[in-house]
Amino acid sequence: MFNAVTLKRIVRDSVRLYFAPLVGAVRGARAEVAIVLKDIRQHRDS
């Protein structure tokens, strides 16, 4: 039915799809923090 390579590919893709929203949320949060910190620095220097 499934050979070892196919089974590994299914498991790998399933894990990626499971964690994709979490990874996206973390990246979005980091980007938002970077924007806020940049804004703070700009207002502090002005």
C-alpha atoms as a PDB file:
ATOM      1  CA  MET A   1       0.000   0.000   0.000  1.00  0.00           C
ATOM      2  CA  PHE A   2       2.517   2.636   1.151  1.00  0.00           C
ATOM      3  CA  ASN A   3       6.241   2.285   0.832  1.00  0.00           C
ATOM      4  CA  ALA A   4       8.604   3.855   3.370  1.00  0.00           C
ATOM      5  CA  VAL A   5       9.357   6.949   1.271  1.00  0.00           C
ATOM      6  CA  THR A   6       5.695   7.711   0.690  1.00  0.00           C
ATOM      7  CA  LEU A   7       4.894   7.245   4.353  1.00  0.00           C
ATOM      8  CA  LYS A   8       7.750   9.572   5.401  1.00  0.00           C
ATOM      9  CA  ARG A   9       6.549  12.199   2.920  1.00  0.00           C
ATOM     10  CA  ILE A  10       2.984  12.018   4.264  1.00  0.00           C
ATOM     11  CA  VAL A  11       4.159  12.372   7.873  1.00  0.00           C
ATOM     12  CA  ARG A  12       6.536  15.240   7.017  1.00  0.00           C
ATOM     13  CA  ASP A  13       3.868  17.153   5.095  1.00  0.00           C
ATOM     14  CA  SER A  14       1.316  16.577   7.849  1.00  0.00           C
ATOM     15  CA  VAL A  15       3.680  17.995  10.460  1.00  0.00           C
ATOM     16  CA  ARG A  16       4.396  21.013   8.268  1.00  0.00           C
ATOM     17  CA  LEU A  17       0.701  21.698   7.762  1.00  0.00           C
ATOM     18  CA  TYR A  18       0.004  21.271  11.467  1.00  0.00           C
ATOM     19  CA  PHE A  19       2.649  23.807  12.518  1.00  0.00           C
ATOM     20  CA  ALA A  20       2.245  26.265   9.619  1.00  0.00           C
ATOM     21  CA  PRO A  21      -0.283  28.525  11.433  1.00  0.00           C
ATOM     22  CA  LEU A  22       1.918  28.630  14.538  1.00  0.00           C
ATOM     23  CA  VAL A  23       5.019  29.514  12.510  1.00  0.00           C
ATOM     24  CA  GLY A  24       3.080  32.215  10.669  1.00  0.00           C
ATOM     25  CA  ALA A  25       1.804  33.677  13.915  1.00  0.00           C
ATOM     26  CA  VAL A  26       5.296  33.820  15.408  1.00  0.00           C
ATOM     27  CA  ARG A  27       6.705  35.474  12.302  1.00  0.00           C
ATOM     28  CA  GLY A  28       3.865  37.991  12.295  1.00  0.00           C
ATOM     29  CA  ALA A  29       4.409  38.799  15.960  1.00  0.00           C
ATOM     30  CA  ARG A  30       8.137  39.300  15.413  1.00  0.00           C
ATOM     31  CA  ALA A  31       7.446  41.603  12.465  1.00  0.00           C
ATOM     32  CA  GLU A  32       4.956  43.601  14.532  1.00  0.00           C
ATOM     33  CA  VAL A  33       7.420  43.964  17.412  1.00  0.00           C
ATOM     34  CA  ALA A  34      10.105  45.127  14.974  1.00  0.00           C
ATOM     35  CA  ILE A  35       7.750  47.780  13.571  1.00  0.00           C
ATOM     36  CA  VAL A  36       6.811  49.016  17.044  1.00  0.00           C
ATOM     37  CA  LEU A  37      10.445  49.172  18.179  1.00  0.00           C
ATOM     38  CA  LYS A  38      11.413  51.069  15.018  1.00  0.00           C
ATOM     39  CA  ASP A  39       8.592  53.536  15.653  1.00  0.00           C
ATOM     40  CA  ILE A  40       9.716  54.004  19.271  1.00  0.00           C
ATOM     41  CA  ARG A  41      13.305  54.657  18.152  1.00  0.00           C
ATOM     42  CA  GLN A  42      12.187  57.204  15.585  1.00  0.00           C
ATOM     43  CA  HIS A  43      10.114  59.153  18.109  1.00  0.00           C
ATOM     44  CA  ARG A  44      12.844  58.974  20.732  1.00  0.00           C
ATOM     45  CA  ASP A  45      15.417  60.453  18.316  1.00  0.00           C
ATOM     46  CA  SER A  46      13.089  63.251  17.171  1.00  0.00           C
END
